[in-house]
C-alpha atoms as a PDB file:
ATOM      1  CA  MET A   1       0.043   0.226  -0.017  1.00  0.00           C
ATOM      2  CA  MET A   2       1.387   3.662  -0.916  1.00  0.00           C
ATOM      3  CA  GLY A   3       0.413   7.190  -1.422  1.00  0.00           C
ATOM      4  CA  ILE A   4       1.141   7.803  -5.018  1.00  0.00           C
ATOM      5  CA  CYS A   5      -0.617  10.580  -6.581  1.00  0.00           C
ATOM      6  CA  GLU A   6      -3.485  13.403  -5.522  1.00  0.00           C
ATOM      7  CA  VAL A   7      -6.632  11.381  -7.312  1.00  0.00           C
ATOM      8  CA  GLY A   8      -8.807   9.966  -5.119  1.00  0.00           C
ATOM      9  CA  VAL A   9      -9.062   6.188  -5.839  1.00  0.00           C
ATOM     10  CA  GLU A  10      -8.048   2.803  -4.386  1.00  0.00           C
ATOM     11  CA  ILE A  11      -6.719  -0.214  -6.642  1.00  0.00           C
ATOM     12  CA  SER A  12      -6.460  -3.896  -5.968  1.00  0.00           C
ATOM     13  CA  TRP A  13      -5.114  -6.357  -8.725  1.00  0.00           C
ATOM     14  CA  ARG A  14      -5.095  -9.812  -8.145  1.00  0.00           C
ATOM     15  CA  SER A  15      -4.406 -12.141 -10.888  1.00  0.00           C
ATOM     16  CA  VAL A  16      -4.216 -15.941 -10.758  1.00  0.00           C
ATOM     17  CA  ARG A  17      -2.532 -18.495 -13.936  1.00  0.00           C
ATOM     18  CA  GLY A  18      -5.313 -20.673 -14.567  1.00  0.00           C
ATOM     19  CA  ASP A  19      -4.681 -24.752 -14.736  1.00  0.00           C
ATOM     20  CA  GLY A  20      -5.349 -24.858 -18.748  1.00  0.00           C
ATOM     21  CA  THR A  21      -1.993 -22.573 -19.362  1.00  0.00           C
ATOM     22  CA  ASP A  22       1.636 -22.659 -19.101  1.00  0.00           C
ATOM     23  CA  THR A  23       2.216 -18.821 -18.121  1.00  0.00           C
ATOM     24  CA  ASN A  24       0.038 -16.138 -17.032  1.00  0.00           C
ATOM     25  CA  GLN A  25      -1.146 -14.343 -20.246  1.00  0.00           C
ATOM     26  CA  ASP A  26      -3.130 -11.713 -18.380  1.00  0.00           C
ATOM     27  CA  TYR A  27      -1.419  -8.387 -17.683  1.00  0.00           C
ATOM     28  CA  CYS A  28      -2.462  -5.049 -15.786  1.00  0.00           C
ATOM     29  CA  GLY A  29      -0.753  -1.459 -16.572  1.00  0.00           C
ATOM     30  CA  ILE A  30      -1.358   1.717 -14.140  1.00  0.00           C
ATOM     31  CA  GLY A  31       0.112   5.240 -14.757  1.00  0.00           C
ATOM     32  CA  LEU A  32      -0.236   7.584 -12.379  1.00  0.00           C
ATOM     33  CA  ARG A  33       0.122  11.317 -12.790  1.00  0.00           C
ATOM     34  CA  ASP A  34      -0.906  14.270 -10.475  1.00  0.00           C
ATOM     35  CA  ASP A  35      -4.444  14.583 -11.950  1.00  0.00           C
ATOM     36  CA  THR A  36      -5.328  11.519 -13.800  1.00  0.00           C
ATOM     37  CA  VAL A  37      -4.948   7.733 -13.237  1.00  0.00           C
ATOM     38  CA  LEU A  38      -4.828   4.983 -16.606  1.00  0.00           C
ATOM     39  CA  CYS A  39      -5.648   1.848 -15.700  1.00  0.00           C
ATOM     40  CA  ILE A  40      -5.487  -1.179 -18.595  1.00  0.00           C
ATOM     41  CA  VAL A  41      -6.201  -4.828 -18.316  1.00  0.00           C
ATOM     42  CA  LEU A  42      -5.176  -7.128 -20.863  1.00  0.00           C
ATOM     43  CA  ASP A  43      -6.013 -10.889 -21.448  1.00  0.00           C
ATOM     44  CA  GLY A  44      -3.615 -11.982 -23.911  1.00  0.00           C
ATOM     45  CA  ALA A  45      -5.329 -14.963 -26.162  1.00  0.00           C
ATOM     46  CA  THR A  46      -4.280 -18.317 -24.978  1.00  0.00           C
ATOM     47  CA  ALA A  47      -4.695 -20.209 -28.676  1.00  0.00           C
ATOM     48  CA  LYS A  48      -2.073 -17.562 -30.415  1.00  0.00           C
ATOM     49  CA  PRO A  49       1.651 -17.433 -29.829  1.00  0.00           C
ATOM     50  CA  GLN A  50       3.309 -14.616 -28.380  1.00  0.00           C
ATOM     51  CA  SER A  51      -0.301 -13.407 -27.071  1.00  0.00           C
ATOM     52  CA  GLY A  52       1.166 -12.640 -23.476  1.00  0.00           C
ATOM     53  CA  GLU A  53       4.190 -10.924 -24.606  1.00  0.00           C
ATOM     54  CA  LEU A  54       1.829  -8.861 -26.762  1.00  0.00           C
ATOM     55  CA  ALA A  55      -0.479  -7.894 -23.886  1.00  0.00           C
ATOM     56  CA  GLN A  56       2.722  -6.942 -21.546  1.00  0.00           C
ATOM     57  CA  LEU A  57       4.082  -4.813 -24.049  1.00  0.00           C
ATOM     58  CA  ILE A  58       0.898  -2.741 -24.750  1.00  0.00           C
ATOM     59  CA  ALA A  59       0.588  -2.457 -21.191  1.00  0.00           C
ATOM     60  CA  ARG A  60       3.795  -1.020 -20.750  1.00  0.00           C
ATOM     61  CA  ASP A  61       3.944   0.860 -23.718  1.00  0.00           C
ATOM     62  CA  LEU A  62       0.670   2.537 -23.322  1.00  0.00           C
ATOM     63  CA  VAL A  63       1.615   3.868 -19.218  1.00  0.00           C
ATOM     64  CA  ASP A  64       4.826   4.603 -20.449  1.00  0.00           C
ATOM     65  CA  TRP A  65       3.186   7.183 -23.148  1.00  0.00           C
ATOM     66  CA  PHE A  66       0.574   7.998 -20.651  1.00  0.00           C
ATOM     67  CA  THR A  67       2.928   9.218 -17.722  1.00  0.00           C
ATOM     68  CA  SER A  68       5.326  11.000 -19.922  1.00  0.00           C
ATOM     69  CA  ALA A  69       2.532  13.255 -21.808  1.00  0.00           C
ATOM     70  CA  LYS A  70       2.731  16.773 -20.584  1.00  0.00           C
ATOM     71  CA  THR A  71      -0.790  17.967 -21.690  1.00  0.00           C
ATOM     72  CA  ARG A  72      -4.260  16.276 -20.521  1.00  0.00           C
ATOM     73  CA  VAL A  73      -4.999  12.844 -22.402  1.00  0.00           C
ATOM     74  CA  SER A  74      -8.655  12.335 -23.855  1.00  0.00           C
ATOM     75  CA  ALA A  75     -10.171   8.677 -25.100  1.00  0.00           C
ATOM     76  CA  ASN A  76      -8.934  10.103 -28.160  1.00  0.00           C
ATOM     77  CA  ASP A  77      -5.353  10.514 -27.426  1.00  0.00           C
ATOM     78  CA  ILE A  78      -5.044   6.791 -26.001  1.00  0.00           C
ATOM     79  CA  VAL A  79      -7.159   5.418 -29.909  1.00  0.00           C
ATOM     80  CA  ASP A  80      -4.478   7.059 -31.402  1.00  0.00           C
ATOM     81  CA  GLN A  81      -1.429   5.766 -29.369  1.00  0.00           C
ATOM     82  CA  LEU A  82      -3.122   2.255 -29.528  1.00  0.00           C
ATOM     83  CA  ARG A  83      -2.905   2.547 -32.868  1.00  0.00           C
ATOM     84  CA  GLN A  84       0.991   3.822 -32.776  1.00  0.00           C
ATOM     85  CA  ILE A  85       1.675   0.736 -30.487  1.00  0.00           C
ATOM     86  CA  HIS A  86      -0.310  -1.421 -33.174  1.00  0.00           C
ATOM     87  CA  ILE A  87       1.762  -0.563 -35.875  1.00  0.00           C
ATOM     88  CA  LYS A  88       4.991  -1.604 -33.972  1.00  0.00           C
ATOM     89  CA  CYS A  89       3.582  -5.060 -32.833  1.00  0.00           C
ATOM     90  CA  SER A  90       2.004  -5.999 -36.360  1.00  0.00           C
ATOM     91  CA  ARG A  91       5.713  -6.309 -37.310  1.00  0.00           C
ATOM     92  CA  GLU A  92       7.104  -7.972 -34.075  1.00  0.00           C
ATOM     93  CA  LEU A  93       4.140  -9.960 -33.003  1.00  0.00           C
ATOM     94  CA  ARG A  94       2.381 -10.848 -36.113  1.00  0.00           C
ATOM     95  CA  TRP A  95       0.349 -13.888 -34.709  1.00  0.00           C
ATOM     96  CA  ALA A  96      -0.770 -12.659 -31.440  1.00  0.00           C
ATOM     97  CA  SER A  97      -4.066 -11.160 -30.021  1.00  0.00           C
ATOM     98  CA  ALA A  98      -5.195  -9.482 -26.653  1.00  0.00           C
ATOM     99  CA  SER A  99      -8.747  -8.434 -25.563  1.00  0.00           C
ATOM    100  CA  TYR A 100      -8.078  -5.390 -22.997  1.00  0.00           C
ATOM    101  CA  LEU A 101     -10.043  -2.612 -21.123  1.00  0.00           C
ATOM    102  CA  VAL A 102      -8.523   0.814 -20.468  1.00  0.00           C
ATOM    103  CA  ALA A 103     -10.252   3.470 -17.463  1.00  0.00           C
ATOM    104  CA  LEU A 104      -9.163   6.548 -17.436  1.00  0.00           C
ATOM    105  CA  ILE A 105      -9.663   8.558 -14.257  1.00  0.00           C
ATOM    106  CA  GLU A 106      -9.933  12.529 -13.525  1.00  0.00           C
ATOM    107  CA  PRO A 107     -11.751  14.046 -10.944  1.00  0.00           C
ATOM    108  CA  LYS A 108     -14.755  15.622 -11.158  1.00  0.00           C
ATOM    109  CA  ARG A 109     -14.882  13.862 -14.905  1.00  0.00           C
ATOM    110  CA  PRO A 110     -16.903  10.825 -15.968  1.00  0.00           C
ATOM    111  CA  ILE A 111     -14.346   7.889 -15.874  1.00  0.00           C
ATOM    112  CA  GLU A 112     -13.446   6.995 -19.490  1.00  0.00           C
ATOM    113  CA  ILE A 113     -13.694   3.001 -20.506  1.00  0.00           C
ATOM    114  CA  LEU A 114     -12.119   1.950 -23.982  1.00  0.00           C
ATOM    115  CA  TYR A 115     -12.760  -1.859 -24.388  1.00  0.00           C
ATOM    116  CA  ALA A 116     -12.115  -4.608 -27.344  1.00  0.00           C
ATOM    117  CA  GLY A 117     -12.420  -7.957 -26.814  1.00  0.00           C
ATOM    118  CA  ASP A 118     -13.763  -9.908 -23.690  1.00  0.00           C
ATOM    119  CA  CYS A 119     -12.260  -8.106 -20.387  1.00  0.00           C
ATOM    120  CA  LEU A 120     -15.543  -6.647 -18.643  1.00  0.00           C
ATOM    121  CA  ILE A 121     -16.020  -3.977 -16.482  1.00  0.00           C
ATOM    122  CA  GLY A 122     -18.529  -4.057 -13.211  1.00  0.00           C
ATOM    123  CA  ARG A 123     -19.940  -2.421 -10.379  1.00  0.00           C
ATOM    124  CA  PHE A 124     -19.580  -4.592  -7.020  1.00  0.00           C
ATOM    125  CA  ARG A 125     -21.790  -4.657  -4.381  1.00  0.00           C
ATOM    126  CA  THR A 126     -21.505  -6.864  -1.316  1.00  0.00           C
ATOM    127  CA  HIS A 127     -23.782  -9.592  -0.950  1.00  0.00           C
ATOM    128  CA  ALA A 128     -25.258  -9.008  -4.499  1.00  0.00           C
ATOM    129  CA  ALA A 129     -23.991 -10.322  -7.983  1.00  0.00           C
ATOM    130  CA  ILE A 130     -21.603  -8.172  -9.695  1.00  0.00           C
ATOM    131  CA  GLU A 131     -23.391  -5.349 -12.223  1.00  0.00           C
ATOM    132  CA  TRP A 132     -21.817  -5.687 -15.501  1.00  0.00           C
ATOM    133  CA  LEU A 133     -21.834  -2.617 -17.521  1.00  0.00           C
ATOM    134  CA  ILE A 134     -20.505  -3.946 -20.965  1.00  0.00           C
ATOM    135  CA  LYS A 135     -21.013  -7.024 -22.740  1.00  0.00           C
ATOM    136  CA  PRO A 136     -18.274  -9.136 -24.733  1.00  0.00           C
ATOM    137  CA  HIS A 137     -17.282  -8.922 -28.240  1.00  0.00           C
ATOM    138  CA  THR A 138     -17.804 -12.311 -29.168  1.00  0.00           C
ATOM    139  CA  LEU A 139     -19.343 -13.825 -32.471  1.00  0.00           C
ATOM    140  CA  ALA A 140     -22.147 -15.387 -29.660  1.00  0.00           C
ATOM    141  CA  ASN A 141     -23.851 -11.794 -29.120  1.00  0.00           C
ATOM    142  CA  ALA A 142     -22.458 -10.291 -32.636  1.00  0.00           C
ATOM    143  CA  ILE A 143     -25.914 -10.770 -34.354  1.00  0.00           C
ATOM    144  CA  LYS A 144     -28.402  -9.914 -31.484  1.00  0.00           C
ATOM    145  CA  ASP A 145     -27.944  -9.141 -27.811  1.00  0.00           C
ATOM    146  CA  MET A 146     -27.745 -11.693 -25.499  1.00  0.00           C
ATOM    147  CA  PRO A 147     -27.620 -11.971 -21.498  1.00  0.00           C
ATOM    148  CA  LEU A 148     -24.359 -12.453 -20.267  1.00  0.00           C
ATOM    149  CA  ASP A 149     -25.199 -16.314 -18.832  1.00  0.00           C
ATOM    150  CA  GLU A 150     -26.331 -17.199 -22.737  1.00  0.00           C
ATOM    151  CA  ILE A 151     -22.936 -15.938 -23.901  1.00  0.00           C
ATOM    152  CA  ILE A 152     -21.178 -17.610 -21.351  1.00  0.00           C
ATOM    153  CA  GLY A 153     -22.984 -20.695 -22.363  1.00  0.00           C
ATOM    154  CA  SER A 154     -22.432 -20.485 -25.970  1.00  0.00           C
ATOM    155  CA  PRO A 155     -19.481 -22.611 -27.620  1.00  0.00           C
ATOM    156  CA  LEU A 156     -19.187 -19.160 -29.650  1.00  0.00           C
ATOM    157  CA  ARG A 157     -17.822 -17.263 -27.141  1.00  0.00           C
ATOM    158  CA  ASN A 158     -14.244 -17.201 -27.264  1.00  0.00           C
ATOM    159  CA  ARG A 159     -14.335 -16.463 -31.188  1.00  0.00           C
ATOM    160  CA  LEU A 160     -13.810 -12.611 -30.282  1.00  0.00           C
ATOM    161  CA  THR A 161     -15.059 -10.184 -32.901  1.00  0.00           C
ATOM    162  CA  ARG A 162     -13.282  -7.369 -31.359  1.00  0.00           C
ATOM    163  CA  SER A 163      -9.471  -7.268 -30.024  1.00  0.00           C
ATOM    164  CA  PHE A 164      -6.150  -5.874 -30.234  1.00  0.00           C
ATOM    165  CA  ARG A 165      -4.658  -8.034 -33.092  1.00  0.00           C
ATOM    166  CA  ALA A 166      -1.647  -7.813 -35.688  1.00  0.00           C
ATOM    167  CA  THR A 167      -3.501  -8.547 -38.757  1.00  0.00           C
ATOM    168  CA  GLU A 168      -5.889  -4.895 -38.761  1.00  0.00           C
ATOM    169  CA  PHE A 169      -6.163  -2.185 -36.206  1.00  0.00           C
ATOM    170  CA  ILE A 170      -9.751  -2.185 -34.875  1.00  0.00           C
ATOM    171  CA  ALA A 171     -10.849   0.729 -32.560  1.00  0.00           C
ATOM    172  CA  PRO A 172     -12.448   0.069 -29.201  1.00  0.00           C
ATOM    173  CA  ASP A 173     -15.567   0.892 -28.032  1.00  0.00           C
ATOM    174  CA  ILE A 174     -15.881   4.105 -25.788  1.00  0.00           C
ATOM    175  CA  LEU A 175     -17.935   4.271 -22.787  1.00  0.00           C
ATOM    176  CA  THR A 176     -18.209   6.859 -20.221  1.00  0.00           C
ATOM    177  CA  LEU A 177     -19.631   6.312 -16.502  1.00  0.00           C
ATOM    178  CA  GLN A 178     -20.370   8.594 -13.762  1.00  0.00           C
ATOM    179  CA  GLY A 179     -18.382   8.098 -10.607  1.00  0.00           C
ATOM    180  CA  GLU A 180     -21.393   9.322  -8.346  1.00  0.00           C
ATOM    181  CA  ASP A 181     -21.867   5.371  -7.831  1.00  0.00           C
ATOM    182  CA  ALA A 182     -20.078   4.558  -4.744  1.00  0.00           C
ATOM    183  CA  ALA A 183     -19.657   0.728  -5.556  1.00  0.00           C
ATOM    184  CA  PRO A 184     -16.291  -0.254  -6.302  1.00  0.00           C
ATOM    185  CA  LEU A 185     -15.621  -0.759 -10.107  1.00  0.00           C
ATOM    186  CA  VAL A 186     -14.278  -4.278 -11.019  1.00  0.00           C
ATOM    187  CA  ILE A 187     -12.215  -4.688 -14.327  1.00  0.00           C
ATOM    188  CA  ALA A 188     -12.092  -8.396 -15.214  1.00  0.00           C
ATOM    189  CA  THR A 189     -10.954 -11.192 -17.555  1.00  0.00           C
ATOM    190  CA  ASP A 190     -13.115 -13.864 -18.877  1.00  0.00           C
ATOM    191  CA  GLY A 191     -11.370 -16.289 -16.355  1.00  0.00           C
ATOM    192  CA  PHE A 192     -13.373 -14.827 -13.736  1.00  0.00           C
ATOM    193  CA  TRP A 193     -16.513 -13.518 -15.214  1.00  0.00           C
ATOM    194  CA  ALA A 194     -17.284 -16.758 -17.153  1.00  0.00           C
ATOM    195  CA  GLY A 195     -15.022 -19.222 -15.289  1.00  0.00           C
ATOM    196  CA  MET A 196     -16.518 -18.639 -11.357  1.00  0.00           C
ATOM    197  CA  ASP A 197     -20.166 -18.624 -10.206  1.00  0.00           C
ATOM    198  CA  ASP A 198     -21.326 -15.200  -8.060  1.00  0.00           C
ATOM    199  CA  ASP A 199     -20.432 -16.588  -4.920  1.00  0.00           C
ATOM    200  CA  ALA A 200     -16.286 -17.302  -6.089  1.00  0.00           C
ATOM    201  CA  GLN A 201     -16.601 -14.187  -7.581  1.00  0.00           C
ATOM    202  CA  ARG A 202     -17.010 -12.590  -4.565  1.00  0.00           C
ATOM    203  CA  ARG A 203     -14.907 -14.625  -2.493  1.00  0.00           C
ATOM    204  CA  PHE A 204     -12.333 -14.254  -4.833  1.00  0.00           C
ATOM    205  CA  LEU A 205     -12.571 -10.431  -4.421  1.00  0.00           C
ATOM    206  CA  GLU A 206     -12.822 -10.225  -0.816  1.00  0.00           C
ATOM    207  CA  SER A 207     -10.297 -12.692   0.156  1.00  0.00           C
ATOM    208  CA  THR A 208      -7.144 -12.918  -0.954  1.00  0.00           C
ATOM    209  CA  ASP A 209      -6.614 -16.347   0.354  1.00  0.00           C
ATOM    210  CA  MET A 210      -9.397 -17.960  -1.406  1.00  0.00           C
ATOM    211  CA  PRO A 211      -7.626 -20.515  -3.681  1.00  0.00           C
ATOM    212  CA  PRO A 212      -9.143 -20.386  -7.054  1.00  0.00           C
ATOM    213  CA  ASN A 213      -9.427 -24.308  -7.379  1.00  0.00           C
ATOM    214  CA  GLY A 214     -10.701 -25.863 -10.777  1.00  0.00           C
ATOM    215  CA  ILE A 215     -10.259 -22.370 -13.044  1.00  0.00           C
ATOM    216  CA  VAL A 216      -8.807 -23.371 -16.906  1.00  0.00           C
ATOM    217  CA  ASP A 217      -7.989 -19.783 -17.918  1.00  0.00           C
ATOM    218  CA  ASP A 218      -6.319 -17.075 -16.009  1.00  0.00           C
ATOM    219  CA  CYS A 219      -8.099 -15.078 -13.483  1.00  0.00           C
ATOM    220  CA  SER A 220      -7.659 -11.685 -12.974  1.00  0.00           C
ATOM    221  CA  THR A 221      -9.330  -8.642 -11.085  1.00  0.00           C
ATOM    222  CA  LEU A 222      -8.326  -4.949 -10.813  1.00  0.00           C
ATOM    223  CA  MET A 223     -10.653  -3.312  -8.383  1.00  0.00           C
ATOM    224  CA  ILE A 224     -11.284   0.694  -8.426  1.00  0.00           C
ATOM    225  CA  ARG A 225     -12.701   2.113  -5.452  1.00  0.00           C
ATOM    226  CA  LEU A 226     -13.176   6.008  -5.498  1.00  0.00           C
ATOM    227  CA  LEU A 227     -12.268   7.867  -2.491  1.00  0.00           C
ATOM    228  CA  ALA A 228     -12.843  11.569  -1.724  1.00  0.00           C
ATOM    229  CA  SER A 229     -10.641  14.233  -3.948  1.00  0.00           C
ATOM    230  CA  ASP A 230      -8.499  14.848  -1.229  1.00  0.00           C
ATOM    231  CA  LYS A 231      -7.119  11.588  -1.215  1.00  0.00           C
ATOM    232  CA  PRO A 232      -4.236   9.957  -2.156  1.00  0.00           C
ATOM    233  CA  ALA A 233      -4.126   7.266  -4.555  1.00  0.00           C
ATOM    234  CA  LEU A 234      -3.857   3.944  -2.728  1.00  0.00           C
ATOM    235  CA  ILE A 235      -2.581   1.008  -5.033  1.00  0.00           C
ATOM    236  CA  ARG A 236      -2.841  -2.779  -3.358  1.00  0.00           C
ATOM    237  CA  PRO A 237      -1.427  -5.352  -5.558  1.00  0.00           C
ATOM    238  CA  SER A 238      -2.994  -8.629  -3.589  1.00  0.00           C
ATOM    239  CA  ALA A 239      -1.109 -10.415  -5.872  1.00  0.00           C
ATOM    240  CA  ALA A 240       1.372  -8.495  -7.861  1.00  0.00           C
ATOM    241  CA  GLU A 241       2.098 -10.831 -10.639  1.00  0.00           C
ATOM    242  CA  ASN A 242       2.111  -9.264 -14.173  1.00  0.00           C
ATOM    243  CA  LEU A 243       1.641  -5.705 -12.886  1.00  0.00           C
ATOM    244  CA  TYR A 244       3.174  -2.525 -14.538  1.00  0.00           C
ATOM    245  CA  ILE A 245       3.236   0.966 -12.214  1.00  0.00           C
ATOM    246  CA  VAL A 246       4.656   3.901 -13.315  1.00  0.00           C
ATOM    247  CA  GLN A 247       4.008   7.465 -11.592  1.00  0.00           C
ATOM    248  CA  SER A 248       4.932  10.475 -13.609  1.00  0.00           C
ATOM    249  CA  ASP A 249       7.903  12.644 -12.605  1.00  0.00           C
END
């Protein structure tokens, strides 16, 4: 736990390798400036080589760019930077792919969310199921809107219609969230939202000692709790695996 910048936010990262993967391909990047926090969670595609390397590269490059920027960063600026990262990645990691979700947090402004793939963001309330605020970009729900539990049960869930892939740059969807709701936000990879039931999800978020028995895919969550604006940022890396943090000068 450490005070880092003057944005009122508490951030907790937890990531566990699944039984079906040799290495954990979920990554998290956190950039901290005096007045802004950027978080990105990525899930490298298990079936595509070098996808973990791609997720790590995106996290580091985006955070390094954000913390070195001298002016305010907008959602459109982030899209432009992701496009620049894609130019480099398309040459170095030709077959890799990753889902991602970015949260840009500023005092007195709506939270800006950019996402492509199957990382989700939701509201976490004690004694209740997570209220997921978006749907994944999968072939299961490409034609019509479907409840999340039906998407989870579909054999087409792992066929993504949008992600960060070398073959072409696909711009993310952008969503703005108002910060008045006091419930913490949870950004999660699909090993969490699709691989665990509601009770297991709650125990995973509330207890660092809870072993995620029998999970096949890597399982990762980033919990964001908004604090009073005069409170410093707090980072709580419950499991610091695949976590990259940079504070601007």
